[in-house]
Amino acid sequence: MRAENRYNIKLLPPTFSPWEPMQSANRQIAVLMSGGVDSSVTAHLLKSAGWEVLGITMKIPVACDTGPRGCCGADAAFVCHELGIPHYFVDVTEAFQDVIIQPFRDAYSRGQTPNPCVDCNTFLKFSLVWDELQEEFGILHVATGHYAKVIHEGPNVCLRRARDKDKDQTYFLYGIPRHRLPNLILPLGDLTKHQVRAIASELRLSVAEKAESMELCFAGEQDYRLALENEATNRPGDMMDMQGRKIGVHKGIANYTLGQRRGLGFAGGKPLYVGRIDAAANTVALGTREQVSTRTVRAACRNTLLPEKLTPDARLFGKIRSYGDPRLGKLVDLTPDGMTMEFDEPQFAPCPGQRLVLYDEQDNVVAGGVIQT
């Protein structure tokens, strides 16, 4: 079944000039463009390297008035025009609603902290949209402006952390289907953000000084709560300590994530953090840093990129949130769909719904999954 038959994914007419490739399919590439500086420089670098480049922007639903083509779509189209490459929009409105936004809302209603950016990469960009590009254009290769590397070492293809560790985005990319990895191109893996902006400035691109995206694209770069429609998640309830004693009133579970310290509305004798969210009981529990930390983190819905490295008792490095360095631990349990990591040191506030991503000693992504309670 083609993707658009299920989600009505469809290619819109060319924004300026149509795609009329002159090179063979193995030198054609689609760049997924958000309208930011990273994807814009990616398109330029690939064109300069001899690729025949096609710019693609997803048309998604947003919670702000940005016109019919969604946030940043116009910026992406005009950058392509500046670079002299064709550009198309792909309408993924229905798929985005079903695959990204609704699961996002459902997760908050369960007291979890979802990561829609990971889901967007996994289920839309590297699955449904890639399928559509292959169907419509016969394009085999896809590129993005993420800071990460794809390394070809003999028969193996690895997803590796970027040179700029502060910008590394492998945490968001681990879910790519393994068979897609050989055809994914990530030109920014060896560059810093400063270098990327310098390239954009030299080219005098209109987005050279554009600010980085900090919030959810489908919330119009505003507060994520704009995308939540479930009144139950904003209903006040009891705030507890970790022993179950009431110590105050919370403002609604959608306003809290595990590990949160600011905005709790409660002052204790020592720093307190959100340590537990019980959606069924509509309670939020606070605890000390020690009380909300744990060495054991379990994940499900696993995607494995290096199966030969994912073995019981393997010593690997894990991340439970997008920032910070991976921490050393041992894989203590492995199931067909899940994995459990025991870290050498306690990890602060693993959030159900976020991701556990494992790396080997060369910074290659081994596997990742959704953190469970």
Protein backbone atom coordinates (compact mmCIF):
# COMPACT_ATOMS: atom_id res chain seq x y z
CA MET A 1 0.00 0.00 0.00
CA ARG A 2 1.38 3.41 -0.94
CA ALA A 3 1.77 5.88 1.91
CA GLU A 4 -0.72 8.44 0.53
CA ASN A 5 -3.50 5.85 0.33
CA ARG A 6 -3.42 5.64 4.12
CA TYR A 7 -2.58 9.18 5.19
CA ASN A 8 -3.35 11.18 2.04
CA ILE A 9 0.30 12.17 1.70
CA LYS A 10 0.68 14.05 -1.55
CA LEU A 11 3.25 15.98 -3.48
CA LEU A 12 2.26 19.58 -4.23
CA PRO A 13 3.19 21.35 -7.50
CA PRO A 14 6.75 22.72 -7.77
CA THR A 15 7.24 25.98 -5.92
CA PHE A 16 9.24 27.56 -8.74
CA SER A 17 10.79 25.27 -11.36
CA PRO A 18 10.06 21.52 -11.73
CA TRP A 19 12.47 18.67 -11.00
CA GLU A 20 14.10 17.76 -14.31
CA PRO A 21 17.19 15.71 -13.35
CA MET A 22 20.08 15.27 -15.75
CA GLN A 23 22.23 12.90 -13.70
CA SER A 24 21.78 9.23 -12.84
CA ALA A 25 19.76 8.21 -9.79
CA ASN A 26 22.89 7.51 -7.72
CA ARG A 27 23.81 11.22 -7.91
CA GLN A 28 20.33 12.57 -7.14
CA ILE A 29 19.41 13.54 -3.60
CA ALA A 30 16.45 15.07 -1.76
CA VAL A 31 17.25 17.47 1.08
CA LEU A 32 14.58 17.75 3.76
CA MET A 33 14.47 21.49 4.40
CA SER A 34 12.89 23.26 7.36
CA GLY A 35 13.74 26.81 6.33
CA GLY A 36 16.62 27.07 8.79
CA VAL A 37 20.30 27.70 8.23
CA ASP A 38 21.41 24.07 8.75
CA SER A 39 19.30 22.48 6.02
CA SER A 40 19.98 25.43 3.72
CA VAL A 41 23.76 25.01 4.00
CA THR A 42 23.30 21.25 3.58
CA ALA A 43 21.64 21.82 0.20
CA HIS A 44 24.46 24.15 -0.88
CA LEU A 45 27.22 21.75 0.19
CA LEU A 46 25.66 18.85 -1.69
CA LYS A 47 25.15 20.88 -4.85
CA SER A 48 28.77 22.05 -4.64
CA ALA A 49 29.88 18.41 -4.28
CA GLY A 50 28.20 17.49 -7.57
CA TRP A 51 24.89 16.11 -6.36
CA GLU A 52 21.68 16.94 -8.22
CA VAL A 53 19.67 18.41 -5.36
CA LEU A 54 15.93 18.60 -4.78
CA GLY A 55 14.58 20.61 -1.83
CA ILE A 56 11.63 19.11 0.05
CA THR A 57 9.60 20.73 2.84
CA MET A 58 6.88 18.99 4.81
CA LYS A 59 3.55 20.82 5.07
CA ILE A 60 2.36 20.15 8.61
CA PRO A 61 -0.47 21.36 10.87
CA VAL A 62 0.55 24.11 13.27
CA ALA A 63 -1.05 25.91 16.19
CA CYS A 64 -0.29 29.38 14.86
CA ASP A 65 -1.41 31.44 11.87
CA THR A 66 1.39 30.87 9.39
CA GLY A 67 -0.55 30.50 6.15
CA PRO A 68 -1.37 27.40 4.13
CA ARG A 69 2.18 26.04 3.89
CA GLY A 70 3.13 25.97 7.55
CA CYS A 71 6.01 27.38 9.58
CA CYS A 72 9.20 28.25 7.68
CA GLY A 73 7.96 26.79 4.40
CA ALA A 74 8.41 30.07 2.55
CA ASP A 75 11.98 30.41 3.86
CA ALA A 76 12.89 26.96 2.56
CA ALA A 77 11.35 27.68 -0.84
CA PHE A 78 13.17 31.00 -1.24
CA VAL A 79 16.51 29.50 -0.18
CA CYS A 80 16.11 26.86 -2.88
CA HIS A 81 15.39 29.63 -5.37
CA GLU A 82 18.55 31.45 -4.21
CA LEU A 83 20.58 28.26 -4.63
CA GLY A 84 19.09 27.45 -8.02
CA ILE A 85 17.54 24.12 -7.07
CA PRO A 86 13.92 22.97 -7.45
CA HIS A 87 11.67 22.83 -4.41
CA TYR A 88 8.46 21.01 -3.54
CA PHE A 89 6.14 20.77 -0.57
CA VAL A 90 4.91 17.38 0.61
CA ASP A 91 1.58 17.56 2.39
CA VAL A 92 1.79 15.30 5.45
CA THR A 93 -0.96 17.02 7.43
CA GLU A 94 -3.03 13.90 8.11
CA ALA A 95 -0.03 11.71 8.89
CA PHE A 96 1.44 14.34 11.20
CA GLN A 97 -1.80 14.60 13.11
CA ASP A 98 -2.11 10.83 13.51
CA VAL A 99 1.54 9.81 13.96
CA ILE A 100 2.99 12.81 15.85
CA ILE A 101 0.43 15.12 17.46
CA GLN A 102 -2.08 12.59 18.77
CA PRO A 103 0.59 10.33 20.35
CA PHE A 104 2.13 13.49 21.85
CA ARG A 105 -1.18 14.35 23.51
CA ASP A 106 -1.80 10.76 24.57
CA ALA A 107 1.62 10.56 26.23
CA TYR A 108 0.98 13.66 28.34
CA SER A 109 -2.39 12.28 29.37
CA ARG A 110 -0.50 9.24 30.74
CA GLY A 111 1.92 11.46 32.68
CA GLN A 112 4.79 10.79 30.25
CA THR A 113 7.19 13.20 28.54
CA PRO A 114 7.14 12.41 24.80
CA ASN A 115 9.78 13.28 22.22
CA PRO A 116 7.91 14.19 19.02
CA CYS A 117 11.11 15.17 17.19
CA VAL A 118 12.35 11.57 17.40
CA ASP A 119 8.96 10.32 16.19
CA CYS A 120 8.96 12.79 13.30
CA ASN A 121 12.36 11.57 12.11
CA THR A 122 11.51 7.90 12.60
CA PHE A 123 7.98 7.64 11.30
CA LEU A 124 7.69 10.56 8.88
CA LYS A 125 10.98 11.79 7.42
CA PHE A 126 12.79 8.44 7.21
CA SER A 127 9.72 6.35 6.48
CA LEU A 128 6.57 7.83 4.92
CA VAL A 129 8.19 10.87 3.27
CA TRP A 130 11.20 8.89 2.04
CA ASP A 131 8.80 6.32 0.55
CA GLU A 132 6.90 9.11 -1.20
CA LEU A 133 10.07 10.60 -2.69
CA GLN A 134 11.13 7.22 -3.97
CA GLU A 135 7.70 6.64 -5.50
CA GLU A 136 7.39 10.08 -7.13
CA PHE A 137 10.97 10.82 -8.19
CA GLY A 138 12.88 7.55 -7.98
CA ILE A 139 15.28 9.29 -5.57
CA LEU A 140 17.28 6.89 -3.42
CA HIS A 141 19.31 9.31 -1.28
CA VAL A 142 18.02 11.69 1.36
CA ALA A 143 19.92 14.36 3.32
CA THR A 144 19.12 16.49 6.36
CA GLY A 145 20.83 19.29 8.24
CA HIS A 146 21.30 17.27 11.41
CA TYR A 147 24.63 17.30 13.22
CA ALA A 148 25.66 13.65 13.02
CA LYS A 149 27.76 11.37 10.81
CA VAL A 150 27.06 8.33 8.65
CA ILE A 151 30.23 6.25 8.54
CA HIS A 152 30.86 3.54 5.94
CA GLU A 153 33.36 0.99 7.25
CA GLY A 154 33.56 -1.96 4.91
CA PRO A 155 30.22 -3.77 4.95
CA ASN A 156 29.05 -1.82 8.01
CA VAL A 157 27.29 1.54 8.02
CA CYS A 158 27.22 3.38 11.36
CA LEU A 159 25.41 6.41 12.73
CA ARG A 160 28.07 8.30 14.70
CA ARG A 161 28.06 11.35 16.95
CA ALA A 162 29.00 14.67 15.36
CA ARG A 163 32.38 16.31 15.71
CA ASP A 164 30.68 19.15 17.63
CA LYS A 165 29.45 17.17 20.64
CA ASP A 166 27.42 20.11 21.93
CA LYS A 167 25.38 20.06 18.72
CA ASP A 168 25.27 16.30 18.19
CA GLN A 169 21.77 15.10 17.22
CA THR A 170 22.18 11.32 17.01
CA TYR A 171 19.80 11.05 19.97
CA PHE A 172 17.02 12.23 17.63
CA LEU A 173 18.08 10.02 14.71
CA TYR A 174 18.52 6.57 16.29
CA GLY A 175 15.11 5.43 15.03
CA ILE A 176 16.02 5.46 11.34
CA PRO A 177 15.32 2.05 9.75
CA ARG A 178 18.62 0.24 9.44
CA HIS A 179 18.18 -0.40 5.72
CA ARG A 180 17.88 3.36 5.10
CA LEU A 181 21.15 4.29 6.76
CA PRO A 182 23.44 3.61 3.75
CA ASN A 183 21.48 6.16 1.68
CA LEU A 184 21.32 8.89 4.34
CA ILE A 185 23.74 11.80 3.83
CA LEU A 186 24.60 14.17 6.71
CA PRO A 187 27.03 16.85 5.45
CA LEU A 188 27.20 18.81 8.74
CA GLY A 189 28.70 16.02 10.85
CA ASP A 190 32.20 17.49 10.78
CA LEU A 191 31.17 21.15 11.05
CA THR A 192 30.38 23.45 13.95
CA LYS A 193 27.38 25.75 14.07
CA HIS A 194 29.73 28.73 13.75
CA GLN A 195 31.17 27.29 10.53
CA VAL A 196 27.70 26.62 9.14
CA ARG A 197 26.58 30.20 9.80
CA ALA A 198 29.80 31.49 8.23
CA ILE A 199 29.06 29.53 5.05
CA ALA A 200 25.50 30.89 4.96
CA SER A 201 26.83 34.44 5.42
CA GLU A 202 29.37 34.03 2.62
CA LEU A 203 26.55 32.89 0.33
CA ARG A 204 24.39 35.78 1.57
CA LEU A 205 21.53 33.43 2.19
CA SER A 206 18.39 35.08 3.53
CA VAL A 207 18.36 32.69 6.52
CA ALA A 208 22.02 33.20 7.53
CA GLU A 209 21.14 34.89 10.82
CA LYS A 210 17.87 33.11 11.48
CA ALA A 211 17.46 32.08 15.11
CA GLU A 212 17.50 28.39 16.00
CA SER A 213 14.25 26.54 16.54
CA MET A 214 13.77 26.00 20.26
CA GLU A 215 10.16 24.83 20.63
CA LEU A 216 7.86 22.41 18.83
CA CYS A 217 7.28 23.17 15.16
CA PHE A 218 3.60 22.19 15.38
CA ALA A 219 3.07 24.55 18.32
CA GLY A 220 4.24 27.43 16.14
CA GLU A 221 7.59 27.67 17.99
CA GLN A 222 5.58 28.59 21.10
CA ASP A 223 4.82 26.75 24.35
CA TYR A 224 4.17 23.02 23.83
CA ARG A 225 0.97 23.30 25.88
CA LEU A 226 -0.66 24.95 22.85
CA ALA A 227 -0.75 21.51 21.28
CA LEU A 228 -2.47 19.88 24.29
CA GLU A 229 -6.28 19.79 24.19
CA ASN A 230 -6.97 17.36 27.01
CA GLU A 231 -8.47 19.36 29.86
CA ALA A 232 -7.72 16.53 32.29
CA THR A 233 -3.97 17.17 31.96
CA ASN A 234 -4.48 20.74 33.20
CA ARG A 235 -6.72 19.83 36.15
CA PRO A 236 -5.24 20.71 39.59
CA GLY A 237 -4.51 17.83 41.93
CA ASP A 238 -2.53 16.75 44.94
CA MET A 239 1.19 17.34 45.14
CA MET A 240 2.84 14.62 47.21
CA ASP A 241 6.20 13.69 48.62
CA MET A 242 7.80 10.42 47.50
CA GLN A 243 6.27 8.64 50.50
CA GLY A 244 2.74 9.56 49.37
CA ARG A 245 2.03 12.39 51.83
CA LYS A 246 0.20 15.45 50.49
CA ILE A 247 2.34 18.59 50.60
CA GLY A 248 0.51 20.94 48.26
CA VAL A 249 -1.51 21.34 45.05
CA HIS A 250 -0.21 21.07 41.48
CA LYS A 251 -1.50 22.99 38.43
CA GLY A 252 -2.15 20.01 36.16
CA ILE A 253 0.17 17.18 35.14
CA ALA A 254 0.83 18.70 31.68
CA ASN A 255 2.81 21.44 33.44
CA TYR A 256 5.40 19.04 34.89
CA THR A 257 8.14 16.70 33.72
CA LEU A 258 10.33 14.37 35.73
CA GLY A 259 13.39 16.18 37.07
CA GLN A 260 11.73 19.59 36.95
CA ARG A 261 12.68 21.99 39.74
CA ARG A 262 11.44 25.42 38.68
CA GLY A 263 7.82 26.46 38.82
CA LEU A 264 6.74 23.81 41.31
CA GLY A 265 4.94 26.21 43.61
CA PHE A 266 6.38 24.48 46.66
CA ALA A 267 9.41 25.37 48.76
CA GLY A 268 11.00 22.64 50.86
CA GLY A 269 14.01 22.66 53.15
CA LYS A 270 16.24 21.29 50.35
CA PRO A 271 16.04 21.31 46.53
CA LEU A 272 13.12 19.19 45.35
CA TYR A 273 12.37 17.81 41.90
CA VAL A 274 9.43 16.13 40.20
CA GLY A 275 10.03 12.43 40.84
CA ARG A 276 6.75 10.78 39.87
CA ILE A 277 3.63 11.66 37.85
CA ASP A 278 0.53 9.50 38.35
CA ALA A 279 -1.97 10.39 35.62
CA ALA A 280 -4.68 8.03 36.93
CA ALA A 281 -4.58 9.56 40.41
CA ASN A 282 -3.77 13.06 39.05
CA THR A 283 -0.87 13.47 41.48
CA VAL A 284 2.66 14.83 41.20
CA ALA A 285 5.31 13.67 43.69
CA LEU A 286 8.42 15.63 44.63
CA GLY A 287 11.69 14.22 45.93
CA THR A 288 15.35 15.00 46.46
CA ARG A 289 17.89 14.49 43.69
CA GLU A 290 18.86 11.15 45.19
CA GLN A 291 15.23 10.02 45.38
CA VAL A 292 14.54 10.78 41.70
CA SER A 293 17.76 9.20 40.40
CA THR A 294 18.29 5.56 39.45
CA ARG A 295 20.96 3.32 37.94
CA THR A 296 18.51 1.06 36.08
CA VAL A 297 16.68 2.32 32.98
CA ARG A 298 14.37 0.15 30.90
CA ALA A 299 13.30 0.88 27.32
CA ALA A 300 10.86 -0.67 24.85
CA CYS A 301 10.07 -0.21 21.12
CA ARG A 302 13.75 -0.77 20.40
CA ASN A 303 15.43 0.10 17.11
CA THR A 304 18.81 -1.59 16.62
CA LEU A 305 21.48 -0.24 14.25
CA LEU A 306 24.44 -2.40 15.34
CA PRO A 307 23.00 -5.77 16.37
CA GLU A 308 26.44 -7.35 16.80
CA LYS A 309 27.13 -4.87 19.63
CA LEU A 310 23.81 -5.41 21.41
CA THR A 311 24.54 -8.46 23.56
CA PRO A 312 23.77 -9.31 27.20
CA ASP A 313 26.33 -7.87 29.64
CA ALA A 314 27.81 -5.62 26.93
CA ARG A 315 29.54 -2.52 28.28
CA LEU A 316 28.02 0.44 26.45
CA PHE A 317 27.42 4.16 26.89
CA GLY A 318 23.86 5.44 27.33
CA LYS A 319 21.99 8.72 27.14
CA ILE A 320 18.56 9.30 28.66
CA ARG A 321 18.10 12.84 27.31
CA SER A 322 19.34 14.73 24.26
CA TYR A 323 21.98 16.84 26.01
CA GLY A 324 25.06 15.71 27.92
CA ASP A 325 27.56 12.95 27.24
CA PRO A 326 26.70 9.23 27.17
CA ARG A 327 27.41 7.47 30.46
CA LEU A 328 28.97 4.04 30.92
CA GLY A 329 26.94 1.05 32.00
CA LYS A 330 26.03 -2.57 31.31
CA LEU A 331 23.22 -4.08 29.28
CA VAL A 332 21.57 -6.32 31.87
CA ASP A 333 18.50 -7.48 29.97
CA LEU A 334 17.52 -7.89 26.34
CA THR A 335 14.10 -8.84 24.98
CA PRO A 336 12.84 -8.98 21.38
CA ASP A 337 11.46 -5.45 21.73
CA GLY A 338 13.27 -3.95 24.72
CA MET A 339 16.45 -3.54 26.71
CA THR A 340 17.55 -2.62 30.23
CA MET A 341 20.68 -0.64 31.02
CA GLU A 342 22.34 -0.56 34.43
CA PHE A 343 24.50 2.54 34.62
CA ASP A 344 27.66 2.67 36.70
CA GLU A 345 26.37 5.86 38.34
CA PRO A 346 22.77 6.90 39.15
CA GLN A 347 21.08 8.80 36.33
CA PHE A 348 18.96 11.81 37.20
CA ALA A 349 15.21 11.49 36.58
CA PRO A 350 14.78 9.19 33.56
CA CYS A 351 11.51 10.30 31.95
CA PRO A 352 9.05 7.70 30.64
CA GLY A 353 8.37 8.63 27.03
CA GLN A 354 11.86 10.00 26.44
CA ARG A 355 14.58 7.85 24.88
CA LEU A 356 17.41 5.63 26.03
CA VAL A 357 20.06 5.64 23.29
CA LEU A 358 23.14 3.40 23.52
CA TYR A 359 26.56 4.01 21.97
CA ASP A 360 29.74 1.99 21.57
CA GLU A 361 33.27 3.20 22.37
CA GLN A 362 33.58 4.81 18.89
CA ASP A 363 30.46 6.97 19.47
CA ASN A 364 28.37 4.85 17.09
CA VAL A 365 24.69 4.42 17.88
CA VAL A 366 24.05 0.80 18.83
CA ALA A 367 20.32 0.96 19.63
CA GLY A 368 17.62 3.11 21.18
CA GLY A 369 14.17 2.78 22.67
CA VAL A 370 11.39 4.48 24.61
CA ILE A 371 12.00 4.77 28.35
CA GLN A 372 9.43 2.90 30.46
CA THR A 373 8.31 3.33 34.05
